[in-house]
Amino acid sequence: MTSLRKLGSSDLEVFPLSLGGNVFGWTADEQTSFAVLDAYAAAGGNFIDTADSYSAWIEGNQGGESETIIGKWAKARGNRSDVVIATKVSQHPRYQGLSAANIKAAADASLRRLDTDYIDLYYTHFDQPDVPVEEIIGALDELVKAGKVRHIAASNIGAERLRESLDFSEREGLARYVALQPHYNLVSRDTYEGPLQDLAARTGLSAVPYFALASGFLTGKYRPGATVDSARAGRVKDYVDSERGQKVLTALDEVAQAHDAPVATVALAWLAAQPTVTAPIASARTVEQLPALLGVADLKLTDSEVAKLTDASA
């Protein structure tokens, strides 16, 4: 049985792979989403990531489709208390921004779609610098005190605003961020490494990186000359065409061969080995894609393998 990891200073214990819910209601319909969630849970997974805006970018969708599917699944399986559900606020078409009123209204809407009384981990999805951290933290603290949210976290936030938020929480004795969701992977390191990562380490925040597989590039399926049928194919062209991307793929191939493991598992294992990282996020639109993701729970890279991948991605 894979051991769970403590999330920051919270009482939440999570599986070392967070299952991304961005595909639910987008490239995975409800039936397929249920199958993916079932397989993830059967493997010991308990940490599901979504947002109130998933998947508003699809014509005909309103946002919240992913939350609705996850809520239906947890209700049907009767396992709500066994899973840690993380969702986010600020990007839903009807609930834009981080004003106190919007945070509270959006949380209530998420609770309805998830068909639950509480959200385990509630992220500010994108920081809104023109809203004072006092207003944001104050609203989040009210949700925690009301029992609607267990713990709070931040995504897409700069180091200075994060520090101000943590300082305010400490000073006023209010709810405090326990986790951070940065954009971070082998071909996007400067989006987290540096002041943000250093602050997370100093303050005991857990990092839960998104785009952990660089929109699929780090699965190894995108190669020069290869054609891949995927809604995300256009996003990875720059990686495929870059010298750095090819160096990373070569290093991943070598380490993967040494472990007889999928390239995606190795890419996630590199992330999992980085300071502050508790659980990378990755999504699967089919059950067949899951094993390569779940493998991160059991694959431990050697120091030299981590160094090889780090050097290739420099």
C-alpha atoms as a PDB file:
ATOM      1  CA  MET A   1       0.000   0.000   0.000  1.00  0.00           C
ATOM      2  CA  THR A   2       1.450   3.349  -1.026  1.00  0.00           C
ATOM      3  CA  SER A   3       2.028   5.595   1.955  1.00  0.00           C
ATOM      4  CA  LEU A   4       0.190   8.909   1.978  1.00  0.00           C
ATOM      5  CA  ARG A   5       1.964  12.222   2.381  1.00  0.00           C
ATOM      6  CA  LYS A   6       1.083  15.050   4.734  1.00  0.00           C
ATOM      7  CA  LEU A   7      -0.001  18.205   2.949  1.00  0.00           C
ATOM      8  CA  GLY A   8       1.847  21.149   4.438  1.00  0.00           C
ATOM      9  CA  SER A   9       0.766  22.004   7.981  1.00  0.00           C
ATOM     10  CA  SER A  10      -2.715  20.563   7.437  1.00  0.00           C
ATOM     11  CA  ASP A  11      -4.220  17.330   8.711  1.00  0.00           C
ATOM     12  CA  LEU A  12      -4.738  16.155   5.119  1.00  0.00           C
ATOM     13  CA  GLU A  13      -2.858  13.057   3.989  1.00  0.00           C
ATOM     14  CA  VAL A  14      -2.698  12.598   0.245  1.00  0.00           C
ATOM     15  CA  PHE A  15      -1.608  10.100  -2.381  1.00  0.00           C
ATOM     16  CA  PRO A  16       1.650  11.136  -4.121  1.00  0.00           C
ATOM     17  CA  LEU A  17      -0.191  11.714  -7.406  1.00  0.00           C
ATOM     18  CA  SER A  18      -3.068  14.181  -7.536  1.00  0.00           C
ATOM     19  CA  LEU A  19      -5.565  13.232 -10.245  1.00  0.00           C
ATOM     20  CA  GLY A  20      -6.309  16.205 -12.465  1.00  0.00           C
ATOM     21  CA  GLY A  21     -10.005  16.748 -13.135  1.00  0.00           C
ATOM     22  CA  ASN A  22      -9.582  19.218 -15.992  1.00  0.00           C
ATOM     23  CA  VAL A  23     -10.440  16.519 -18.564  1.00  0.00           C
ATOM     24  CA  PHE A  24     -13.732  15.523 -16.912  1.00  0.00           C
ATOM     25  CA  GLY A  25     -16.534  16.928 -19.025  1.00  0.00           C
ATOM     26  CA  TRP A  26     -14.036  17.888 -21.723  1.00  0.00           C
ATOM     27  CA  THR A  27     -12.041  15.062 -23.340  1.00  0.00           C
ATOM     28  CA  ALA A  28     -13.542  12.471 -20.962  1.00  0.00           C
ATOM     29  CA  ASP A  29     -17.307  12.102 -20.784  1.00  0.00           C
ATOM     30  CA  GLU A  30     -19.101  11.210 -17.560  1.00  0.00           C
ATOM     31  CA  GLN A  31     -18.896   7.446 -18.025  1.00  0.00           C
ATOM     32  CA  THR A  32     -15.195   7.528 -18.860  1.00  0.00           C
ATOM     33  CA  SER A  33     -14.523   9.961 -16.015  1.00  0.00           C
ATOM     34  CA  PHE A  34     -16.194   7.580 -13.563  1.00  0.00           C
ATOM     35  CA  ALA A  35     -14.002   4.728 -14.861  1.00  0.00           C
ATOM     36  CA  VAL A  36     -10.833   6.810 -14.435  1.00  0.00           C
ATOM     37  CA  LEU A  37     -11.853   7.876 -10.927  1.00  0.00           C
ATOM     38  CA  ASP A  38     -12.693   4.276 -10.002  1.00  0.00           C
ATOM     39  CA  ALA A  39      -9.304   3.034 -11.218  1.00  0.00           C
ATOM     40  CA  TYR A  40      -7.463   5.820  -9.405  1.00  0.00           C
ATOM     41  CA  ALA A  41      -9.280   5.085  -6.137  1.00  0.00           C
ATOM     42  CA  ALA A  42      -8.720   1.332  -6.539  1.00  0.00           C
ATOM     43  CA  ALA A  43      -4.971   2.016  -6.734  1.00  0.00           C
ATOM     44  CA  GLY A  44      -5.097   3.890  -3.425  1.00  0.00           C
ATOM     45  CA  GLY A  45      -5.499   7.371  -4.895  1.00  0.00           C
ATOM     46  CA  ASN A  46      -7.398   9.901  -2.807  1.00  0.00           C
ATOM     47  CA  PHE A  47      -6.401  13.397  -4.025  1.00  0.00           C
ATOM     48  CA  ILE A  48      -8.599  14.865  -6.785  1.00  0.00           C
ATOM     49  CA  ASP A  49      -7.927  18.294  -8.267  1.00  0.00           C
ATOM     50  CA  THR A  50     -10.481  20.411 -10.090  1.00  0.00           C
ATOM     51  CA  ALA A  51     -11.648  24.037 -10.457  1.00  0.00           C
ATOM     52  CA  ASP A  52     -14.983  25.794 -10.754  1.00  0.00           C
ATOM     53  CA  SER A  53     -14.044  26.924 -14.277  1.00  0.00           C
ATOM     54  CA  TYR A  54     -13.396  23.426 -15.718  1.00  0.00           C
ATOM     55  CA  SER A  55     -14.386  23.221 -18.557  1.00  0.00           C
ATOM     56  CA  ALA A  56     -15.915  26.589 -19.452  1.00  0.00           C
ATOM     57  CA  TRP A  57     -13.672  26.865 -22.517  1.00  0.00           C
ATOM     58  CA  ILE A  58     -15.718  24.256 -24.376  1.00  0.00           C
ATOM     59  CA  GLU A  59     -18.612  25.523 -26.494  1.00  0.00           C
ATOM     60  CA  GLY A  60     -21.865  24.702 -24.756  1.00  0.00           C
ATOM     61  CA  ASN A  61     -20.264  24.334 -21.311  1.00  0.00           C
ATOM     62  CA  GLN A  62     -20.827  26.817 -18.501  1.00  0.00           C
ATOM     63  CA  GLY A  63     -17.984  25.905 -16.149  1.00  0.00           C
ATOM     64  CA  GLY A  64     -18.247  23.490 -13.248  1.00  0.00           C
ATOM     65  CA  GLU A  65     -18.780  20.399 -15.403  1.00  0.00           C
ATOM     66  CA  SER A  66     -15.781  18.703 -13.801  1.00  0.00           C
ATOM     67  CA  GLU A  67     -17.011  19.449 -10.270  1.00  0.00           C
ATOM     68  CA  THR A  68     -20.440  18.066 -11.140  1.00  0.00           C
ATOM     69  CA  ILE A  69     -18.965  14.786 -12.414  1.00  0.00           C
ATOM     70  CA  ILE A  70     -16.721  14.401  -9.367  1.00  0.00           C
ATOM     71  CA  GLY A  71     -19.658  15.109  -7.070  1.00  0.00           C
ATOM     72  CA  LYS A  72     -21.856  12.553  -8.814  1.00  0.00           C
ATOM     73  CA  TRP A  73     -19.067   9.967  -8.624  1.00  0.00           C
ATOM     74  CA  ALA A  74     -18.381  10.474  -4.907  1.00  0.00           C
ATOM     75  CA  LYS A  75     -22.116  10.321  -4.175  1.00  0.00           C
ATOM     76  CA  ALA A  76     -22.579   7.143  -6.224  1.00  0.00           C
ATOM     77  CA  ARG A  77     -19.598   5.442  -4.602  1.00  0.00           C
ATOM     78  CA  GLY A  78     -20.379   6.672  -1.073  1.00  0.00           C
ATOM     79  CA  ASN A  79     -16.722   7.542  -0.552  1.00  0.00           C
ATOM     80  CA  ARG A  80     -16.777  11.308   0.078  1.00  0.00           C
ATOM     81  CA  SER A  81     -14.954  10.994   3.409  1.00  0.00           C
ATOM     82  CA  ASP A  82     -12.226   8.887   1.791  1.00  0.00           C
ATOM     83  CA  VAL A  83     -11.187  11.414  -0.841  1.00  0.00           C
ATOM     84  CA  VAL A  84      -9.513  14.813  -0.651  1.00  0.00           C
ATOM     85  CA  ILE A  85     -11.211  17.139  -3.130  1.00  0.00           C
ATOM     86  CA  ALA A  86      -9.422  20.333  -4.130  1.00  0.00           C
ATOM     87  CA  THR A  87     -11.133  23.019  -6.183  1.00  0.00           C
ATOM     88  CA  LYS A  88     -10.433  26.644  -7.071  1.00  0.00           C
ATOM     89  CA  VAL A  89     -12.036  30.081  -7.265  1.00  0.00           C
ATOM     90  CA  SER A  90     -11.637  33.144  -9.532  1.00  0.00           C
ATOM     91  CA  GLN A  91     -12.071  31.925 -13.121  1.00  0.00           C
ATOM     92  CA  HIS A  92     -15.673  30.712 -13.426  1.00  0.00           C
ATOM     93  CA  PRO A  93     -17.496  32.874 -15.997  1.00  0.00           C
ATOM     94  CA  ARG A  94     -20.142  33.824 -13.432  1.00  0.00           C
ATOM     95  CA  TYR A  95     -17.750  34.076 -10.478  1.00  0.00           C
ATOM     96  CA  GLN A  96     -14.749  36.074 -11.649  1.00  0.00           C
ATOM     97  CA  GLY A  97     -12.116  37.431  -9.307  1.00  0.00           C
ATOM     98  CA  LEU A  98     -11.229  37.299  -5.636  1.00  0.00           C
ATOM     99  CA  SER A  99     -13.480  39.849  -3.971  1.00  0.00           C
ATOM    100  CA  ALA A 100     -14.830  38.618  -0.649  1.00  0.00           C
ATOM    101  CA  ALA A 101     -18.367  38.447  -2.018  1.00  0.00           C
ATOM    102  CA  ASN A 102     -17.287  36.467  -5.070  1.00  0.00           C
ATOM    103  CA  ILE A 103     -15.184  33.993  -3.078  1.00  0.00           C
ATOM    104  CA  LYS A 104     -18.146  33.185  -0.838  1.00  0.00           C
ATOM    105  CA  ALA A 105     -20.665  32.940  -3.684  1.00  0.00           C
ATOM    106  CA  ALA A 106     -18.331  30.801  -5.787  1.00  0.00           C
ATOM    107  CA  ALA A 107     -17.675  28.455  -2.853  1.00  0.00           C
ATOM    108  CA  ASP A 108     -21.400  27.917  -2.372  1.00  0.00           C
ATOM    109  CA  ALA A 109     -21.775  27.170  -6.092  1.00  0.00           C
ATOM    110  CA  SER A 110     -18.891  24.680  -5.973  1.00  0.00           C
ATOM    111  CA  LEU A 111     -20.414  22.974  -2.945  1.00  0.00           C
ATOM    112  CA  ARG A 112     -23.702  22.563  -4.827  1.00  0.00           C
ATOM    113  CA  ARG A 113     -22.024  21.099  -7.900  1.00  0.00           C
ATOM    114  CA  LEU A 114     -19.825  18.798  -5.828  1.00  0.00           C
ATOM    115  CA  ASP A 115     -22.932  17.806  -3.828  1.00  0.00           C
ATOM    116  CA  THR A 116     -20.990  18.017  -0.593  1.00  0.00           C
ATOM    117  CA  ASP A 117     -20.965  19.976   2.661  1.00  0.00           C
ATOM    118  CA  TYR A 118     -17.278  20.833   2.553  1.00  0.00           C
ATOM    119  CA  ILE A 119     -14.293  21.384   0.267  1.00  0.00           C
ATOM    120  CA  ASP A 120     -11.084  19.809   1.561  1.00  0.00           C
ATOM    121  CA  LEU A 121      -8.686  22.233  -0.129  1.00  0.00           C
ATOM    122  CA  TYR A 122      -9.796  25.539  -1.644  1.00  0.00           C
ATOM    123  CA  TYR A 123      -7.357  27.387  -3.918  1.00  0.00           C
ATOM    124  CA  THR A 124      -7.341  30.926  -5.165  1.00  0.00           C
ATOM    125  CA  HIS A 125      -6.923  29.972  -8.839  1.00  0.00           C
ATOM    126  CA  PHE A 126      -5.230  33.140 -10.125  1.00  0.00           C
ATOM    127  CA  ASP A 127      -4.145  35.935  -7.837  1.00  0.00           C
ATOM    128  CA  GLN A 128      -5.831  39.305  -8.308  1.00  0.00           C
ATOM    129  CA  PRO A 129      -3.233  41.862  -7.182  1.00  0.00           C
ATOM    130  CA  ASP A 130      -5.734  44.734  -7.004  1.00  0.00           C
ATOM    131  CA  VAL A 131      -7.626  42.937  -4.213  1.00  0.00           C
ATOM    132  CA  PRO A 132      -5.933  43.333  -0.809  1.00  0.00           C
ATOM    133  CA  VAL A 133      -4.672  40.090   0.728  1.00  0.00           C
ATOM    134  CA  GLU A 134      -6.634  41.090   3.841  1.00  0.00           C
ATOM    135  CA  GLU A 135      -9.900  40.827   1.900  1.00  0.00           C
ATOM    136  CA  ILE A 136      -8.981  37.491   0.298  1.00  0.00           C
ATOM    137  CA  ILE A 137      -7.728  35.813   3.468  1.00  0.00           C
ATOM    138  CA  GLY A 138     -10.607  37.252   5.471  1.00  0.00           C
ATOM    139  CA  ALA A 139     -13.170  35.715   3.119  1.00  0.00           C
ATOM    140  CA  LEU A 140     -11.363  32.368   3.039  1.00  0.00           C
ATOM    141  CA  ASP A 141     -11.145  32.360   6.833  1.00  0.00           C
ATOM    142  CA  GLU A 142     -14.920  32.864   7.048  1.00  0.00           C
ATOM    143  CA  LEU A 143     -15.427  29.796   4.855  1.00  0.00           C
ATOM    144  CA  VAL A 144     -13.144  27.753   7.117  1.00  0.00           C
ATOM    145  CA  LYS A 145     -14.901  28.949  10.269  1.00  0.00           C
ATOM    146  CA  ALA A 146     -18.270  28.094   8.684  1.00  0.00           C
ATOM    147  CA  GLY A 147     -17.071  24.532   7.999  1.00  0.00           C
ATOM    148  CA  LYS A 148     -17.453  24.920   4.243  1.00  0.00           C
ATOM    149  CA  VAL A 149     -13.693  24.657   3.614  1.00  0.00           C
ATOM    150  CA  ARG A 150     -11.164  22.604   5.577  1.00  0.00           C
ATOM    151  CA  HIS A 151      -7.935  24.181   4.318  1.00  0.00           C
ATOM    152  CA  ILE A 152      -6.898  26.937   1.925  1.00  0.00           C
ATOM    153  CA  ALA A 153      -4.193  27.181  -0.717  1.00  0.00           C
ATOM    154  CA  ALA A 154      -2.967  29.406  -3.542  1.00  0.00           C
ATOM    155  CA  SER A 155      -2.213  28.895  -7.228  1.00  0.00           C
ATOM    156  CA  ASN A 156      -0.586  31.239  -9.746  1.00  0.00           C
ATOM    157  CA  ILE A 157       0.651  33.735  -7.181  1.00  0.00           C
ATOM    158  CA  GLY A 158       3.904  35.670  -6.892  1.00  0.00           C
ATOM    159  CA  ALA A 159       6.315  35.281  -3.999  1.00  0.00           C
ATOM    160  CA  GLU A 160       5.681  38.766  -2.596  1.00  0.00           C
ATOM    161  CA  ARG A 161       1.890  38.403  -2.523  1.00  0.00           C
ATOM    162  CA  LEU A 162       2.221  34.924  -1.052  1.00  0.00           C
ATOM    163  CA  ARG A 163       4.476  36.242   1.715  1.00  0.00           C
ATOM    164  CA  GLU A 164       2.037  39.086   2.448  1.00  0.00           C
ATOM    165  CA  SER A 165      -0.820  36.580   2.651  1.00  0.00           C
ATOM    166  CA  LEU A 166       1.041  34.262   5.017  1.00  0.00           C
ATOM    167  CA  ASP A 167       2.165  37.180   7.197  1.00  0.00           C
ATOM    168  CA  PHE A 168      -1.393  38.508   7.465  1.00  0.00           C
ATOM    169  CA  SER A 169      -2.762  35.087   8.418  1.00  0.00           C
ATOM    170  CA  GLU A 170      -0.090  34.693  11.109  1.00  0.00           C
ATOM    171  CA  ARG A 171      -0.539  38.201  12.463  1.00  0.00           C
ATOM    172  CA  GLU A 172      -4.325  37.995  12.695  1.00  0.00           C
ATOM    173  CA  GLY A 173      -4.613  34.326  13.629  1.00  0.00           C
ATOM    174  CA  LEU A 174      -6.658  33.531  10.515  1.00  0.00           C
ATOM    175  CA  ALA A 175      -6.700  30.545   8.158  1.00  0.00           C
ATOM    176  CA  ARG A 176      -3.315  30.122   6.493  1.00  0.00           C
ATOM    177  CA  TYR A 177      -2.364  28.683   3.134  1.00  0.00           C
ATOM    178  CA  VAL A 178      -1.069  25.116   3.492  1.00  0.00           C
ATOM    179  CA  ALA A 179      -0.250  24.421  -0.158  1.00  0.00           C
ATOM    180  CA  LEU A 180       0.805  26.078  -3.368  1.00  0.00           C
ATOM    181  CA  GLN A 181      -0.062  24.992  -6.911  1.00  0.00           C
ATOM    182  CA  PRO A 182       2.635  26.258  -9.279  1.00  0.00           C
ATOM    183  CA  HIS A 183       3.208  25.645 -12.974  1.00  0.00           C
ATOM    184  CA  TYR A 184       6.260  23.367 -12.753  1.00  0.00           C
ATOM    185  CA  ASN A 185       7.820  20.575 -14.757  1.00  0.00           C
ATOM    186  CA  LEU A 186      11.091  19.509 -16.380  1.00  0.00           C
ATOM    187  CA  VAL A 187      10.726  21.990 -19.248  1.00  0.00           C
ATOM    188  CA  SER A 188       9.248  24.801 -17.148  1.00  0.00           C
ATOM    189  CA  ARG A 189      11.404  25.278 -14.080  1.00  0.00           C
ATOM    190  CA  ASP A 190      11.664  29.053 -13.796  1.00  0.00           C
ATOM    191  CA  THR A 191       7.903  29.189 -13.205  1.00  0.00           C
ATOM    192  CA  TYR A 192       8.556  27.877  -9.677  1.00  0.00           C
ATOM    193  CA  GLU A 193      12.239  27.550  -8.817  1.00  0.00           C
ATOM    194  CA  GLY A 194      13.692  30.621  -7.118  1.00  0.00           C
ATOM    195  CA  PRO A 195      11.902  32.961  -4.672  1.00  0.00           C
ATOM    196  CA  LEU A 196       8.573  31.096  -4.779  1.00  0.00           C
ATOM    197  CA  GLN A 197      10.086  27.683  -4.082  1.00  0.00           C
ATOM    198  CA  ASP A 198      12.355  29.167  -1.424  1.00  0.00           C
ATOM    199  CA  LEU A 199       9.389  30.782   0.334  1.00  0.00           C
ATOM    200  CA  ALA A 200       7.407  27.540   0.222  1.00  0.00           C
ATOM    201  CA  ALA A 201      10.336  25.708   1.797  1.00  0.00           C
ATOM    202  CA  ARG A 202      10.796  28.308   4.530  1.00  0.00           C
ATOM    203  CA  THR A 203       7.105  28.398   5.455  1.00  0.00           C
ATOM    204  CA  GLY A 204       6.313  24.689   5.211  1.00  0.00           C
ATOM    205  CA  LEU A 205       3.989  24.854   2.211  1.00  0.00           C
ATOM    206  CA  SER A 206       3.454  21.771   0.075  1.00  0.00           C
ATOM    207  CA  ALA A 207       3.788  22.247  -3.672  1.00  0.00           C
ATOM    208  CA  VAL A 208       1.252  20.476  -5.886  1.00  0.00           C
ATOM    209  CA  PRO A 209       2.523  21.281  -9.400  1.00  0.00           C
ATOM    210  CA  TYR A 210       0.189  21.545 -12.377  1.00  0.00           C
ATOM    211  CA  PHE A 211       1.223  20.998 -16.026  1.00  0.00           C
ATOM    212  CA  ALA A 212       3.423  18.308 -14.467  1.00  0.00           C
ATOM    213  CA  LEU A 213       3.742  16.578 -17.848  1.00  0.00           C
ATOM    214  CA  ALA A 214       3.894  19.781 -19.934  1.00  0.00           C
ATOM    215  CA  SER A 215       0.552  19.154 -21.689  1.00  0.00           C
ATOM    216  CA  GLY A 216       1.683  15.620 -22.529  1.00  0.00           C
ATOM    217  CA  PHE A 217       5.145  16.418 -23.916  1.00  0.00           C
ATOM    218  CA  LEU A 218       6.825  14.654 -20.985  1.00  0.00           C
ATOM    219  CA  THR A 219       4.958  11.422 -21.705  1.00  0.00           C
ATOM    220  CA  GLY A 220       7.354  10.975 -24.615  1.00  0.00           C
ATOM    221  CA  LYS A 221       4.597  10.548 -27.188  1.00  0.00           C
ATOM    222  CA  TYR A 222       5.402  13.835 -28.937  1.00  0.00           C
ATOM    223  CA  ARG A 223       8.519  13.443 -31.075  1.00  0.00           C
ATOM    224  CA  PRO A 224       9.756  15.209 -34.223  1.00  0.00           C
ATOM    225  CA  GLY A 225       7.685  13.944 -37.149  1.00  0.00           C
ATOM    226  CA  ALA A 226       5.103  12.211 -34.940  1.00  0.00           C
ATOM    227  CA  THR A 227       1.405  13.016 -35.257  1.00  0.00           C
ATOM    228  CA  VAL A 228      -0.622  12.729 -32.050  1.00  0.00           C
ATOM    229  CA  ASP A 229      -4.411  12.874 -31.875  1.00  0.00           C
ATOM    230  CA  SER A 230      -4.861  15.096 -28.836  1.00  0.00           C
ATOM    231  CA  ALA A 231      -6.690  18.293 -27.947  1.00  0.00           C
ATOM    232  CA  ARG A 232      -3.403  19.530 -26.473  1.00  0.00           C
ATOM    233  CA  ALA A 233      -1.108  18.752 -29.422  1.00  0.00           C
ATOM    234  CA  GLY A 234      -0.752  22.401 -30.417  1.00  0.00           C
ATOM    235  CA  ARG A 235       0.599  23.372 -27.005  1.00  0.00           C
ATOM    236  CA  VAL A 236       3.695  21.186 -27.160  1.00  0.00           C
ATOM    237  CA  LYS A 237       5.142  22.189 -30.542  1.00  0.00           C
ATOM    238  CA  ASP A 238       7.664  24.584 -28.987  1.00  0.00           C
ATOM    239  CA  TYR A 239       8.972  21.843 -26.698  1.00  0.00           C
ATOM    240  CA  VAL A 240       9.258  19.352 -29.558  1.00  0.00           C
ATOM    241  CA  ASP A 241      11.162  21.833 -31.725  1.00  0.00           C
ATOM    242  CA  SER A 242      13.569  23.010 -29.021  1.00  0.00           C
ATOM    243  CA  GLU A 243      17.051  21.678 -28.325  1.00  0.00           C
ATOM    244  CA  ARG A 244      16.261  21.657 -24.623  1.00  0.00           C
ATOM    245  CA  GLY A 245      13.146  19.566 -25.188  1.00  0.00           C
ATOM    246  CA  GLN A 246      15.129  16.973 -27.102  1.00  0.00           C
ATOM    247  CA  LYS A 247      17.821  16.838 -24.395  1.00  0.00           C
ATOM    248  CA  VAL A 248      15.147  16.247 -21.772  1.00  0.00           C
ATOM    249  CA  LEU A 249      13.532  13.465 -23.826  1.00  0.00           C
ATOM    250  CA  THR A 250      16.911  11.770 -24.323  1.00  0.00           C
ATOM    251  CA  ALA A 251      17.613  11.832 -20.576  1.00  0.00           C
ATOM    252  CA  LEU A 252      14.097  10.624 -19.789  1.00  0.00           C
ATOM    253  CA  ASP A 253      14.476   7.761 -22.257  1.00  0.00           C
ATOM    254  CA  GLU A 254      17.744   6.645 -20.614  1.00  0.00           C
ATOM    255  CA  VAL A 255      16.359   6.726 -17.074  1.00  0.00           C
ATOM    256  CA  ALA A 256      13.100   5.092 -18.147  1.00  0.00           C
ATOM    257  CA  GLN A 257      15.012   2.251 -19.808  1.00  0.00           C
ATOM    258  CA  ALA A 258      17.077   1.696 -16.652  1.00  0.00           C
ATOM    259  CA  HIS A 259      13.886   1.256 -14.614  1.00  0.00           C
ATOM    260  CA  ASP A 260      11.786  -0.379 -17.329  1.00  0.00           C
ATOM    261  CA  ALA A 261       9.296   2.394 -16.632  1.00  0.00           C
ATOM    262  CA  PRO A 262       7.223   4.719 -18.820  1.00  0.00           C
ATOM    263  CA  VAL A 263       8.738   8.108 -19.648  1.00  0.00           C
ATOM    264  CA  ALA A 264       5.787   9.853 -17.955  1.00  0.00           C
ATOM    265  CA  THR A 265       6.475   8.022 -14.689  1.00  0.00           C
ATOM    266  CA  VAL A 266      10.095   9.192 -14.715  1.00  0.00           C
ATOM    267  CA  ALA A 267       9.112  12.805 -15.440  1.00  0.00           C
ATOM    268  CA  LEU A 268       6.698  12.749 -12.505  1.00  0.00           C
ATOM    269  CA  ALA A 269       9.298  11.055 -10.294  1.00  0.00           C
ATOM    270  CA  TRP A 270      11.748  13.888 -11.003  1.00  0.00           C
ATOM    271  CA  LEU A 271       9.096  16.378  -9.864  1.00  0.00           C
ATOM    272  CA  ALA A 272       8.287  14.323  -6.781  1.00  0.00           C
ATOM    273  CA  ALA A 273      11.990  14.400  -5.841  1.00  0.00           C
ATOM    274  CA  GLN A 274      12.141  18.220  -5.839  1.00  0.00           C
ATOM    275  CA  PRO A 275      12.134  20.214  -2.595  1.00  0.00           C
ATOM    276  CA  THR A 276       8.626  21.064  -1.302  1.00  0.00           C
ATOM    277  CA  VAL A 277       6.780  18.905  -3.874  1.00  0.00           C
ATOM    278  CA  THR A 278       4.208  16.614  -2.250  1.00  0.00           C
ATOM    279  CA  ALA A 279       2.092  15.437  -5.186  1.00  0.00           C
ATOM    280  CA  PRO A 280       2.321  16.378  -8.861  1.00  0.00           C
ATOM    281  CA  ILE A 281      -0.992  16.751 -10.692  1.00  0.00           C
ATOM    282  CA  ALA A 282      -1.616  14.746 -13.854  1.00  0.00           C
ATOM    283  CA  SER A 283      -4.811  13.884 -15.673  1.00  0.00           C
ATOM    284  CA  ALA A 284      -5.921  10.814 -17.601  1.00  0.00           C
ATOM    285  CA  ARG A 285      -8.672  10.915 -20.195  1.00  0.00           C
ATOM    286  CA  THR A 286      -8.738   7.103 -20.357  1.00  0.00           C
ATOM    287  CA  VAL A 287      -8.143   4.322 -17.840  1.00  0.00           C
ATOM    288  CA  GLU A 288      -5.273   3.097 -20.032  1.00  0.00           C
ATOM    289  CA  GLN A 289      -3.331   6.314 -19.374  1.00  0.00           C
ATOM    290  CA  LEU A 290      -3.477   5.897 -15.595  1.00  0.00           C
ATOM    291  CA  PRO A 291      -0.784   3.276 -14.822  1.00  0.00           C
ATOM    292  CA  ALA A 292       2.036   5.494 -16.109  1.00  0.00           C
ATOM    293  CA  LEU A 293       0.838   8.254 -13.771  1.00  0.00           C
ATOM    294  CA  LEU A 294       0.257   6.034 -10.746  1.00  0.00           C
ATOM    295  CA  GLY A 295       3.758   4.626 -11.117  1.00  0.00           C
ATOM    296  CA  VAL A 296       5.213   7.764  -9.525  1.00  0.00           C
ATOM    297  CA  ALA A 297       4.059   6.412  -6.160  1.00  0.00           C
ATOM    298  CA  ASP A 298       6.567   3.567  -6.354  1.00  0.00           C
ATOM    299  CA  LEU A 299       9.441   4.875  -8.506  1.00  0.00           C
ATOM    300  CA  LYS A 300      12.318   6.439  -6.579  1.00  0.00           C
ATOM    301  CA  LEU A 301      15.087   7.851  -8.730  1.00  0.00           C
ATOM    302  CA  THR A 302      18.718   7.762  -7.630  1.00  0.00           C
ATOM    303  CA  ASP A 303      20.485  11.047  -6.893  1.00  0.00           C
ATOM    304  CA  SER A 304      22.491  10.662 -10.105  1.00  0.00           C
ATOM    305  CA  GLU A 305      19.337  10.107 -12.155  1.00  0.00           C
ATOM    306  CA  VAL A 306      17.707  13.206 -10.667  1.00  0.00           C
ATOM    307  CA  ALA A 307      20.915  15.134 -11.458  1.00  0.00           C
ATOM    308  CA  LYS A 308      20.991  13.841 -15.047  1.00  0.00           C
ATOM    309  CA  LEU A 309      17.434  15.048 -15.664  1.00  0.00           C
ATOM    310  CA  THR A 310      18.099  18.360 -13.932  1.00  0.00           C
ATOM    311  CA  ASP A 311      21.193  18.972 -16.060  1.00  0.00           C
ATOM    312  CA  ALA A 312      19.347  18.066 -19.278  1.00  0.00           C
ATOM    313  CA  SER A 313      16.602  20.539 -18.470  1.00  0.00           C
ATOM    314  CA  ALA A 314      18.905  23.426 -17.522  1.00  0.00           C
END
